[in-house]
PDB file of all heavy atoms in Angstrom:
ATOM      1  N   ASN A   1      34.647 -25.714 109.350  1.00  0.00           N
ATOM      2  CA  ASN A   1      35.623 -25.366 110.373  1.00  0.00           C
ATOM      3  C   ASN A   1      36.283 -24.045 109.974  1.00  0.00           C
ATOM      4  O   ASN A   1      37.056 -24.010 109.014  1.00  0.00           O
ATOM      5  CB  ASN A   1      36.666 -26.473 110.505  1.00  0.00           C
ATOM      6  CG  ASN A   1      37.651 -26.221 111.612  1.00  0.00           C
ATOM      7  OD1 ASN A   1      37.882 -25.090 112.016  1.00  0.00           O
ATOM      8  ND2 ASN A   1      38.260 -27.286 112.097  1.00  0.00           N
ATOM      9  N   PRO A   2      36.016 -22.959 110.719  1.00  0.00           N
ATOM     10  CA  PRO A   2      36.566 -21.652 110.329  1.00  0.00           C
ATOM     11  C   PRO A   2      38.073 -21.531 110.548  1.00  0.00           C
ATOM     12  O   PRO A   2      38.695 -20.578 110.067  1.00  0.00           O
ATOM     13  CB  PRO A   2      35.805 -20.676 111.229  1.00  0.00           C
ATOM     14  CG  PRO A   2      35.432 -21.495 112.426  1.00  0.00           C
ATOM     15  CD  PRO A   2      35.203 -22.894 111.918  1.00  0.00           C
ATOM     16  N   ASP A   3      38.681 -22.493 111.258  1.00  0.00           N
ATOM     17  CA  ASP A   3      40.116 -22.441 111.522  1.00  0.00           C
ATOM     18  C   ASP A   3      40.949 -23.067 110.408  1.00  0.00           C
ATOM     19  O   ASP A   3      42.177 -23.006 110.446  1.00  0.00           O
ATOM     20  CB  ASP A   3      40.433 -23.155 112.836  1.00  0.00           C
ATOM     21  CG  ASP A   3      39.770 -22.476 114.022  1.00  0.00           C
ATOM     22  OD1 ASP A   3      39.655 -21.225 114.014  1.00  0.00           O
ATOM     23  OD2 ASP A   3      39.353 -23.193 114.953  1.00  0.00           O
ATOM     24  N   LEU A   4      40.273 -23.667 109.436  1.00  0.00           N
ATOM     25  CA  LEU A   4      40.975 -24.322 108.331  1.00  0.00           C
ATOM     26  C   LEU A   4      40.631 -23.629 107.014  1.00  0.00           C
ATOM     27  O   LEU A   4      39.522 -23.118 106.845  1.00  0.00           O
ATOM     28  CB  LEU A   4      40.607 -25.807 108.275  1.00  0.00           C
ATOM     29  CG  LEU A   4      41.044 -26.618 109.500  1.00  0.00           C
ATOM     30  CD1 LEU A   4      40.504 -28.034 109.423  1.00  0.00           C
ATOM     31  CD2 LEU A   4      42.557 -26.623 109.628  1.00  0.00           C
ATOM     32  N   PRO A   5      41.583 -23.614 106.075  1.00  0.00           N
ATOM     33  CA  PRO A   5      41.369 -22.867 104.827  1.00  0.00           C
ATOM     34  C   PRO A   5      40.328 -23.503 103.908  1.00  0.00           C
ATOM     35  O   PRO A   5      40.117 -24.712 103.912  1.00  0.00           O
ATOM     36  CB  PRO A   5      42.743 -22.877 104.165  1.00  0.00           C
ATOM     37  CG  PRO A   5      43.493 -23.984 104.795  1.00  0.00           C
ATOM     38  CD  PRO A   5      42.913 -24.208 106.149  1.00  0.00           C
ATOM     39  N   VAL A   6      39.696 -22.633 103.145  1.00  0.00           N
ATOM     40  CA  VAL A   6      38.800 -23.054 102.068  1.00  0.00           C
ATOM     41  C   VAL A   6      39.604 -22.952 100.778  1.00  0.00           C
ATOM     42  O   VAL A   6      40.291 -21.960 100.551  1.00  0.00           O
ATOM     43  CB  VAL A   6      37.552 -22.151 101.997  1.00  0.00           C
ATOM     44  CG1 VAL A   6      36.681 -22.526 100.810  1.00  0.00           C
ATOM     45  CG2 VAL A   6      36.772 -22.227 103.307  1.00  0.00           C
ATOM     46  N   MET A   7      39.531 -23.990  99.953  1.00  0.00           N
ATOM     47  CA  MET A   7      40.271 -23.976  98.697  1.00  0.00           C
ATOM     48  C   MET A   7      39.300 -24.027  97.526  1.00  0.00           C
ATOM     49  O   MET A   7      38.171 -24.476  97.665  1.00  0.00           O
ATOM     50  CB  MET A   7      41.270 -25.123  98.644  1.00  0.00           C
ATOM     51  CG  MET A   7      40.670 -26.495  98.820  1.00  0.00           C
ATOM     52  SD  MET A   7      41.892 -27.710  99.315  1.00  0.00           S
ATOM     53  CE  MET A   7      41.359 -28.001 100.987  1.00  0.00           C
ATOM     54  N   THR A   8      39.758 -23.552  96.397  1.00  0.00           N
ATOM     55  CA  THR A   8      38.975 -23.653  95.163  1.00  0.00           C
ATOM     56  C   THR A   8      39.628 -24.732  94.311  1.00  0.00           C
ATOM     57  O   THR A   8      40.827 -24.679  94.039  1.00  0.00           O
ATOM     58  CB  THR A   8      38.954 -22.311  94.401  1.00  0.00           C
ATOM     59  OG1 THR A   8      38.385 -21.315  95.258  1.00  0.00           O
ATOM     60  CG2 THR A   8      38.135 -22.431  93.125  1.00  0.00           C
ATOM     61  N   ILE A   9      38.826 -25.707  93.921  1.00  0.00           N
ATOM     62  CA  ILE A   9      39.309 -26.847  93.145  1.00  0.00           C
ATOM     63  C   ILE A   9      38.783 -26.722  91.720  1.00  0.00           C
ATOM     64  O   ILE A   9      37.592 -26.476  91.508  1.00  0.00           O
ATOM     65  CB  ILE A   9      38.812 -28.187  93.731  1.00  0.00           C
ATOM     66  CG1 ILE A   9      39.060 -28.263  95.232  1.00  0.00           C
ATOM     67  CG2 ILE A   9      39.386 -29.366  92.967  1.00  0.00           C
ATOM     68  CD1 ILE A   9      40.482 -28.352  95.641  1.00  0.00           C
ATOM     69  N   THR A  10      39.661 -26.908  90.748  1.00  0.00           N
ATOM     70  CA  THR A  10      39.270 -26.964  89.339  1.00  0.00           C
ATOM     71  C   THR A  10      39.686 -28.321  88.796  1.00  0.00           C
ATOM     72  O   THR A  10      40.869 -28.668  88.830  1.00  0.00           O
ATOM     73  CB  THR A  10      39.946 -25.848  88.519  1.00  0.00           C
ATOM     74  OG1 THR A  10      39.586 -24.578  89.077  1.00  0.00           O
ATOM     75  CG2 THR A  10      39.521 -25.903  87.057  1.00  0.00           C
ATOM     76  N   ASN A  11      38.723 -29.095  88.353  1.00  0.00           N
ATOM     77  CA  ASN A  11      38.979 -30.386  87.726  1.00  0.00           C
ATOM     78  C   ASN A  11      38.645 -30.287  86.250  1.00  0.00           C
ATOM     79  O   ASN A  11      37.545 -29.868  85.891  1.00  0.00           O
ATOM     80  CB  ASN A  11      38.144 -31.497  88.365  1.00  0.00           C
ATOM     81  CG  ASN A  11      38.588 -31.822  89.770  1.00  0.00           C
ATOM     82  OD1 ASN A  11      39.760 -31.705  90.087  1.00  0.00           O
ATOM     83  ND2 ASN A  11      37.668 -32.229  90.615  1.00  0.00           N
ATOM     84  N   GLU A  12      39.601 -30.668  85.407  1.00  0.00           N
ATOM     85  CA  GLU A  12      39.395 -30.648  83.960  1.00  0.00           C
ATOM     86  C   GLU A  12      39.542 -32.059  83.411  1.00  0.00           C
ATOM     87  O   GLU A  12      40.358 -32.840  83.896  1.00  0.00           O
ATOM     88  CB  GLU A  12      40.401 -29.724  83.292  1.00  0.00           C
ATOM     89  CG  GLU A  12      40.224 -28.271  83.686  1.00  0.00           C
ATOM     90  CD  GLU A  12      41.226 -27.378  82.997  1.00  0.00           C
ATOM     91  OE1 GLU A  12      42.343 -27.222  83.539  1.00  0.00           O
ATOM     92  OE2 GLU A  12      40.891 -26.866  81.917  1.00  0.00           O
ATOM     93  N   PHE A  13      38.756 -32.351  82.404  1.00  0.00           N
ATOM     94  CA  PHE A  13      38.769 -33.650  81.746  1.00  0.00           C
ATOM     95  C   PHE A  13      39.014 -33.403  80.258  1.00  0.00           C
ATOM     96  O   PHE A  13      38.171 -32.820  79.582  1.00  0.00           O
ATOM     97  CB  PHE A  13      37.431 -34.365  81.960  1.00  0.00           C
ATOM     98  CG  PHE A  13      37.051 -34.451  83.417  1.00  0.00           C
ATOM     99  CD1 PHE A  13      36.335 -33.432  84.027  1.00  0.00           C
ATOM    100  CD2 PHE A  13      37.428 -35.545  84.168  1.00  0.00           C
ATOM    101  CE1 PHE A  13      35.999 -33.504  85.378  1.00  0.00           C
ATOM    102  CE2 PHE A  13      37.092 -35.635  85.515  1.00  0.00           C
ATOM    103  CZ  PHE A  13      36.377 -34.608  86.123  1.00  0.00           C
ATOM    104  N   LEU A  14      40.192 -33.815  79.774  1.00  0.00           N
ATOM    105  CA  LEU A  14      40.584 -33.536  78.400  1.00  0.00           C
ATOM    106  C   LEU A  14      40.677 -34.826  77.603  1.00  0.00           C
ATOM    107  O   LEU A  14      41.298 -35.797  78.046  1.00  0.00           O
ATOM    108  CB  LEU A  14      41.939 -32.821  78.377  1.00  0.00           C
ATOM    109  CG  LEU A  14      42.049 -31.541  79.216  1.00  0.00           C
ATOM    110  CD1 LEU A  14      43.478 -31.022  79.216  1.00  0.00           C
ATOM    111  CD2 LEU A  14      41.092 -30.493  78.712  1.00  0.00           C
ATOM    112  N   ASP A  15      40.066 -34.837  76.441  1.00  0.00           N
ATOM    113  CA  ASP A  15      40.165 -35.994  75.549  1.00  0.00           C
ATOM    114  C   ASP A  15      41.557 -36.046  74.940  1.00  0.00           C
ATOM    115  O   ASP A  15      42.082 -35.032  74.471  1.00  0.00           O
ATOM    116  CB  ASP A  15      39.130 -35.902  74.423  1.00  0.00           C
ATOM    117  CG  ASP A  15      37.718 -36.143  74.903  1.00  0.00           C
ATOM    118  OD1 ASP A  15      37.545 -36.908  75.870  1.00  0.00           O
ATOM    119  OD2 ASP A  15      36.784 -35.569  74.312  1.00  0.00           O
ATOM    120  N   THR A  16      42.156 -37.231  74.963  1.00  0.00           N
ATOM    121  CA  THR A  16      43.443 -37.448  74.320  1.00  0.00           C
ATOM    122  C   THR A  16      43.336 -38.721  73.488  1.00  0.00           C
ATOM    123  O   THR A  16      42.349 -39.456  73.591  1.00  0.00           O
ATOM    124  CB  THR A  16      44.591 -37.618  75.344  1.00  0.00           C
ATOM    125  OG1 THR A  16      44.444 -38.872  76.000  1.00  0.00           O
ATOM    126  CG2 THR A  16      44.609 -36.488  76.358  1.00  0.00           C
ATOM    127  N   SER A  17      44.345 -38.989  72.709  1.00  0.00           N
ATOM    128  CA  SER A  17      44.326 -40.200  71.883  1.00  0.00           C
ATOM    129  C   SER A  17      44.373 -41.465  72.737  1.00  0.00           C
ATOM    130  O   SER A  17      43.971 -42.536  72.291  1.00  0.00           O
ATOM    131  CB  SER A  17      45.504 -40.190  70.906  1.00  0.00           C
ATOM    132  OG  SER A  17      46.729 -40.148  71.611  1.00  0.00           O
ATOM    133  N   GLU A  18      44.848 -41.343  73.988  1.00  0.00           N
ATOM    134  CA  GLU A  18      44.954 -42.502  74.875  1.00  0.00           C
ATOM    135  C   GLU A  18      43.792 -42.620  75.850  1.00  0.00           C
ATOM    136  O   GLU A  18      43.736 -43.550  76.645  1.00  0.00           O
ATOM    137  CB  GLU A  18      46.269 -42.440  75.648  1.00  0.00           C
ATOM    138  CG  GLU A  18      47.478 -42.506  74.747  1.00  0.00           C
ATOM    139  CD  GLU A  18      48.779 -42.373  75.510  1.00  0.00           C
ATOM    140  OE1 GLU A  18      48.765 -42.516  76.753  1.00  0.00           O
ATOM    141  OE2 GLU A  18      49.800 -42.130  74.868  1.00  0.00           O
ATOM    142  N   GLY A  19      42.875 -41.661  75.827  1.00  0.00           N
ATOM    143  CA  GLY A  19      41.737 -41.677  76.757  1.00  0.00           C
ATOM    144  C   GLY A  19      41.501 -40.286  77.305  1.00  0.00           C
ATOM    145  O   GLY A  19      41.684 -39.299  76.604  1.00  0.00           O
ATOM    146  N   THR A  20      41.126 -40.211  78.556  1.00  0.00           N
ATOM    147  CA  THR A  20      40.835 -38.928  79.191  1.00  0.00           C
ATOM    148  C   THR A  20      41.964 -38.539  80.131  1.00  0.00           C
ATOM    149  O   THR A  20      42.383 -39.321  80.975  1.00  0.00           O
ATOM    150  CB  THR A  20      39.513 -39.005  79.986  1.00  0.00           C
ATOM    151  OG1 THR A  20      38.459 -39.364  79.102  1.00  0.00           O
ATOM    152  CG2 THR A  20      39.187 -37.674  80.641  1.00  0.00           C
ATOM    153  N   LEU A  21      42.451 -37.317  79.974  1.00  0.00           N
ATOM    154  CA  LEU A  21      43.455 -36.760  80.871  1.00  0.00           C
ATOM    155  C   LEU A  21      42.714 -35.972  81.942  1.00  0.00           C
ATOM    156  O   LEU A  21      41.904 -35.095  81.636  1.00  0.00           O
ATOM    157  CB  LEU A  21      44.414 -35.849  80.101  1.00  0.00           C
ATOM    158  CG  LEU A  21      45.445 -35.099  80.944  1.00  0.00           C
ATOM    159  CD1 LEU A  21      46.394 -36.076  81.635  1.00  0.00           C
ATOM    160  CD2 LEU A  21      46.209 -34.117  80.070  1.00  0.00           C
ATOM    161  N   PHE A  22      42.975 -36.304  83.210  1.00  0.00           N
ATOM    162  CA  PHE A  22      42.355 -35.632  84.350  1.00  0.00           C
ATOM    163  C   PHE A  22      43.374 -34.677  84.955  1.00  0.00           C
ATOM    164  O   PHE A  22      44.475 -35.082  85.321  1.00  0.00           O
ATOM    165  CB  PHE A  22      41.915 -36.672  85.379  1.00  0.00           C
ATOM    166  CG  PHE A  22      41.443 -36.092  86.681  1.00  0.00           C
ATOM    167  CD1 PHE A  22      40.292 -35.325  86.732  1.00  0.00           C
ATOM    168  CD2 PHE A  22      42.139 -36.324  87.853  1.00  0.00           C
ATOM    169  CE1 PHE A  22      39.841 -34.799  87.928  1.00  0.00           C
ATOM    170  CE2 PHE A  22      41.701 -35.814  89.052  1.00  0.00           C
ATOM    171  CZ  PHE A  22      40.550 -35.045  89.097  1.00  0.00           C
ATOM    172  N   ILE A  23      43.010 -33.397  85.050  1.00  0.00           N
ATOM    173  CA  ILE A  23      43.868 -32.382  85.658  1.00  0.00           C
ATOM    174  C   ILE A  23      43.099 -31.764  86.812  1.00  0.00           C
ATOM    175  O   ILE A  23      41.971 -31.302  86.645  1.00  0.00           O
ATOM    176  CB  ILE A  23      44.253 -31.287  84.646  1.00  0.00           C
ATOM    177  CG1 ILE A  23      44.990 -31.890  83.453  1.00  0.00           C
ATOM    178  CG2 ILE A  23      45.090 -30.195  85.325  1.00  0.00           C
ATOM    179  CD1 ILE A  23      45.211 -30.921  82.314  1.00  0.00           C
ATOM    180  N   SER A  24      43.717 -31.760  87.983  1.00  0.00           N
ATOM    181  CA  SER A  24      43.086 -31.168  89.167  1.00  0.00           C
ATOM    182  C   SER A  24      44.010 -30.098  89.736  1.00  0.00           C
ATOM    183  O   SER A  24      45.190 -30.353  89.962  1.00  0.00           O
ATOM    184  CB  SER A  24      42.815 -32.247  90.220  1.00  0.00           C
ATOM    185  OG  SER A  24      42.133 -31.683  91.321  1.00  0.00           O
ATOM    186  N   ARG A  25      43.443 -28.900  89.952  1.00  0.00           N
ATOM    187  CA  ARG A  25      44.215 -27.795  90.522  1.00  0.00           C
ATOM    188  C   ARG A  25      43.520 -27.321  91.795  1.00  0.00           C
ATOM    189  O   ARG A  25      42.301 -27.179  91.821  1.00  0.00           O
ATOM    190  CB  ARG A  25      44.285 -26.628  89.544  1.00  0.00           C
ATOM    191  CG  ARG A  25      45.081 -26.910  88.300  1.00  0.00           C
ATOM    192  CD  ARG A  25      45.165 -25.666  87.410  1.00  0.00           C
ATOM    193  NE  ARG A  25      45.931 -25.933  86.225  1.00  0.00           N
ATOM    194  CZ  ARG A  25      45.431 -26.414  85.095  1.00  0.00           C
ATOM    195  NH1 ARG A  25      44.151 -26.689  84.992  1.00  0.00           N
ATOM    196  NH2 ARG A  25      46.217 -26.628  84.058  1.00  0.00           N
ATOM    197  N   SER A  26      44.312 -27.063  92.811  1.00  0.00           N
ATOM    198  CA  SER A  26      43.792 -26.531  94.072  1.00  0.00           C
ATOM    199  C   SER A  26      44.371 -25.143  94.287  1.00  0.00           C
ATOM    200  O   SER A  26      45.587 -24.965  94.224  1.00  0.00           O
ATOM    201  CB  SER A  26      44.191 -27.433  95.246  1.00  0.00           C
ATOM    202  OG  SER A  26      43.695 -28.740  95.067  1.00  0.00           O
ATOM    203  N   GLU A  27      43.502 -24.179  94.546  1.00  0.00           N
ATOM    204  CA  GLU A  27      43.939 -22.805  94.794  1.00  0.00           C
ATOM    205  C   GLU A  27      43.623 -22.446  96.242  1.00  0.00           C
ATOM    206  O   GLU A  27      42.542 -22.730  96.739  1.00  0.00           O
ATOM    207  CB  GLU A  27      43.216 -21.835  93.865  1.00  0.00           C
ATOM    208  CG  GLU A  27      43.518 -22.056  92.397  1.00  0.00           C
ATOM    209  CD  GLU A  27      42.715 -21.117  91.517  1.00  0.00           C
ATOM    210  OE1 GLU A  27      42.787 -19.894  91.728  1.00  0.00           O
ATOM    211  OE2 GLU A  27      42.014 -21.629  90.639  1.00  0.00           O
ATOM    212  N   PHE A  28      44.579 -21.787  96.887  1.00  0.00           N
ATOM    213  CA  PHE A  28      44.451 -21.394  98.275  1.00  0.00           C
ATOM    214  C   PHE A  28      44.486 -19.880  98.388  1.00  0.00           C
ATOM    215  O   PHE A  28      45.068 -19.208  97.539  1.00  0.00           O
ATOM    216  CB  PHE A  28      45.585 -22.011  99.092  1.00  0.00           C
ATOM    217  CG  PHE A  28      45.520 -23.515  99.123  1.00  0.00           C
ATOM    218  CD1 PHE A  28      46.102 -24.268  98.114  1.00  0.00           C
ATOM    219  CD2 PHE A  28      44.845 -24.168 100.128  1.00  0.00           C
ATOM    220  CE1 PHE A  28      46.034 -25.652  98.122  1.00  0.00           C
ATOM    221  CE2 PHE A  28      44.762 -25.547 100.146  1.00  0.00           C
ATOM    222  CZ  PHE A  28      45.351 -26.290  99.145  1.00  0.00           C
ATOM    223  N   PRO A  29      43.897 -19.335  99.448  1.00  0.00           N
ATOM    224  CA  PRO A  29      43.875 -17.869  99.569  1.00  0.00           C
ATOM    225  C   PRO A  29      45.254 -17.252  99.767  1.00  0.00           C
ATOM    226  O   PRO A  29      45.465 -16.088  99.431  1.00  0.00           O
ATOM    227  CB  PRO A  29      42.977 -17.616 100.784  1.00  0.00           C
ATOM    228  CG  PRO A  29      42.890 -18.911 101.513  1.00  0.00           C
ATOM    229  CD  PRO A  29      43.163 -19.994 100.508  1.00  0.00           C
ATOM    230  N   ASN A  30      46.202 -18.043 100.314  1.00  0.00           N
ATOM    231  CA  ASN A  30      47.554 -17.533 100.519  1.00  0.00           C
ATOM    232  C   ASN A  30      48.495 -18.712 100.780  1.00  0.00           C
ATOM    233  O   ASN A  30      48.062 -19.857 100.919  1.00  0.00           O
ATOM    234  CB  ASN A  30      47.602 -16.517 101.675  1.00  0.00           C
ATOM    235  CG  ASN A  30      47.002 -17.093 102.939  1.00  0.00           C
ATOM    236  OD1 ASN A  30      47.340 -18.198 103.369  1.00  0.00           O
ATOM    237  ND2 ASN A  30      46.090 -16.336 103.551  1.00  0.00           N
ATOM    238  N   GLU A  31      49.782 -18.411 100.851  1.00  0.00           N
ATOM    239  CA  GLU A  31      50.794 -19.454 101.038  1.00  0.00           C
ATOM    240  C   GLU A  31      50.655 -20.149 102.398  1.00  0.00           C
ATOM    241  O   GLU A  31      50.884 -21.346 102.523  1.00  0.00           O
ATOM    242  CB  GLU A  31      52.194 -18.864 100.882  1.00  0.00           C
ATOM    243  CG  GLU A  31      53.268 -19.918 100.838  1.00  0.00           C
ATOM    244  CD  GLU A  31      54.639 -19.359 100.491  1.00  0.00           C
ATOM    245  OE1 GLU A  31      54.716 -18.305  99.842  1.00  0.00           O
ATOM    246  OE2 GLU A  31      55.627 -20.007 100.876  1.00  0.00           O
ATOM    247  N   GLU A  32      50.261 -19.391 103.410  1.00  0.00           N
ATOM    248  CA  GLU A  32      50.104 -19.972 104.745  1.00  0.00           C
ATOM    249  C   GLU A  32      49.002 -21.036 104.748  1.00  0.00           C
ATOM    250  O   GLU A  32      49.143 -22.089 105.386  1.00  0.00           O
ATOM    251  CB  GLU A  32      49.788 -18.881 105.778  1.00  0.00           C
ATOM    252  CG  GLU A  32      50.943 -17.934 106.047  1.00  0.00           C
ATOM    253  CD  GLU A  32      51.101 -16.856 104.972  1.00  0.00           C
ATOM    254  OE1 GLU A  32      50.126 -16.555 104.242  1.00  0.00           O
ATOM    255  OE2 GLU A  32      52.232 -16.329 104.846  1.00  0.00           O
ATOM    256  N   ALA A  33      47.909 -20.780 104.044  1.00  0.00           N
ATOM    257  CA  ALA A  33      46.816 -21.746 103.960  1.00  0.00           C
ATOM    258  C   ALA A  33      47.277 -23.013 103.251  1.00  0.00           C
ATOM    259  O   ALA A  33      46.969 -24.129 103.684  1.00  0.00           O
ATOM    260  CB  ALA A  33      45.616 -21.132 103.239  1.00  0.00           C
ATOM    261  N   LEU A  34      48.036 -22.850 102.188  1.00  0.00           N
ATOM    262  CA  LEU A  34      48.586 -24.005 101.474  1.00  0.00           C
ATOM    263  C   LEU A  34      49.478 -24.820 102.397  1.00  0.00           C
ATOM    264  O   LEU A  34      49.350 -26.044 102.488  1.00  0.00           O
ATOM    265  CB  LEU A  34      49.372 -23.541 100.247  1.00  0.00           C
ATOM    266  CG  LEU A  34      50.230 -24.594  99.549  1.00  0.00           C
ATOM    267  CD1 LEU A  34      49.387 -25.752  99.040  1.00  0.00           C
ATOM    268  CD2 LEU A  34      51.041 -23.957  98.436  1.00  0.00           C
ATOM    269  N   GLN A  35      50.374 -24.157 103.114  1.00  0.00           N
ATOM    270  CA  GLN A  35      51.291 -24.858 104.011  1.00  0.00           C
ATOM    271  C   GLN A  35      50.530 -25.595 105.111  1.00  0.00           C
ATOM    272  O   GLN A  35      50.877 -26.718 105.472  1.00  0.00           O
ATOM    273  CB  GLN A  35      52.292 -23.872 104.619  1.00  0.00           C
ATOM    274  CG  GLN A  35      53.407 -24.543 105.374  1.00  0.00           C
ATOM    275  CD  GLN A  35      54.237 -25.465 104.492  1.00  0.00           C
ATOM    276  OE1 GLN A  35      54.498 -25.184 103.335  1.00  0.00           O
ATOM    277  NE2 GLN A  35      54.635 -26.593 105.041  1.00  0.00           N
ATOM    278  N   GLN A  36      49.482 -24.982 105.623  1.00  0.00           N
ATOM    279  CA  GLN A  36      48.671 -25.618 106.670  1.00  0.00           C
ATOM    280  C   GLN A  36      48.074 -26.933 106.179  1.00  0.00           C
ATOM    281  O   GLN A  36      48.126 -27.951 106.864  1.00  0.00           O
ATOM    282  CB  GLN A  36      47.563 -24.662 107.121  1.00  0.00           C
ATOM    283  CG  GLN A  36      46.715 -25.191 108.247  1.00  0.00           C
ATOM    284  CD  GLN A  36      45.634 -24.201 108.666  1.00  0.00           C
ATOM    285  OE1 GLN A  36      45.339 -23.230 107.967  1.00  0.00           O
ATOM    286  NE2 GLN A  36      45.037 -24.457 109.809  1.00  0.00           N
ATOM    287  N   VAL A  37      47.540 -26.925 104.970  1.00  0.00           N
ATOM    288  CA  VAL A  37      46.917 -28.125 104.410  1.00  0.00           C
ATOM    289  C   VAL A  37      47.973 -29.191 104.088  1.00  0.00           C
ATOM    290  O   VAL A  37      47.759 -30.377 104.330  1.00  0.00           O
ATOM    291  CB  VAL A  37      46.066 -27.756 103.171  1.00  0.00           C
ATOM    292  CG1 VAL A  37      45.567 -28.974 102.450  1.00  0.00           C
ATOM    293  CG2 VAL A  37      44.899 -26.875 103.590  1.00  0.00           C
ATOM    294  N   VAL A  38      49.126 -28.765 103.591  1.00  0.00           N
ATOM    295  CA  VAL A  38      50.213 -29.714 103.314  1.00  0.00           C
ATOM    296  C   VAL A  38      50.647 -30.394 104.606  1.00  0.00           C
ATOM    297  O   VAL A  38      50.830 -31.618 104.654  1.00  0.00           O
ATOM    298  CB  VAL A  38      51.399 -29.008 102.621  1.00  0.00           C
ATOM    299  CG1 VAL A  38      52.633 -29.890 102.601  1.00  0.00           C
ATOM    300  CG2 VAL A  38      51.008 -28.593 101.203  1.00  0.00           C
ATOM    301  N   GLU A  39      50.802 -29.625 105.677  1.00  0.00           N
ATOM    302  CA  GLU A  39      51.219 -30.185 106.963  1.00  0.00           C
ATOM    303  C   GLU A  39      50.181 -31.149 107.540  1.00  0.00           C
ATOM    304  O   GLU A  39      50.513 -32.024 108.334  1.00  0.00           O
ATOM    305  CB  GLU A  39      51.524 -29.066 107.952  1.00  0.00           C
ATOM    306  CG  GLU A  39      52.789 -28.310 107.608  1.00  0.00           C
ATOM    307  CD  GLU A  39      53.029 -27.081 108.457  1.00  0.00           C
ATOM    308  OE1 GLU A  39      52.228 -26.807 109.388  1.00  0.00           O
ATOM    309  OE2 GLU A  39      54.016 -26.368 108.176  1.00  0.00           O
ATOM    310  N   MET A  40      48.933 -30.998 107.142  1.00  0.00           N
ATOM    311  CA  MET A  40      47.862 -31.898 107.608  1.00  0.00           C
ATOM    312  C   MET A  40      47.857 -33.219 106.838  1.00  0.00           C
ATOM    313  O   MET A  40      47.077 -34.109 107.154  1.00  0.00           O
ATOM    314  CB  MET A  40      46.498 -31.206 107.441  1.00  0.00           C
ATOM    315  CG  MET A  40      46.294 -30.025 108.347  1.00  0.00           C
ATOM    316  SD  MET A  40      44.798 -29.084 107.953  1.00  0.00           S
ATOM    317  CE  MET A  40      43.543 -30.344 107.971  1.00  0.00           C
ATOM    318  N   GLY A  41      48.691 -33.330 105.803  1.00  0.00           N
ATOM    319  CA  GLY A  41      48.757 -34.573 105.039  1.00  0.00           C
ATOM    320  C   GLY A  41      47.881 -34.598 103.798  1.00  0.00           C
ATOM    321  O   GLY A  41      47.562 -35.661 103.275  1.00  0.00           O
ATOM    322  N   ALA A  42      47.533 -33.426 103.284  1.00  0.00           N
ATOM    323  CA  ALA A  42      46.649 -33.361 102.118  1.00  0.00           C
ATOM    324  C   ALA A  42      47.247 -34.000 100.874  1.00  0.00           C
ATOM    325  O   ALA A  42      46.522 -34.606 100.085  1.00  0.00           O
ATOM    326  CB  ALA A  42      46.253 -31.919 101.828  1.00  0.00           C
TER     327      ALA A  42
END
């Protein structure tokens, strides 16, 4: 859908003493794209 933003997702899996820590980051092309996705219930 060209009317909705494309995001870049980075998922990291880090070993810790308690197990695996999962970190997920979402990057957007601009603040407006982020706000659009937030308003959609992301």
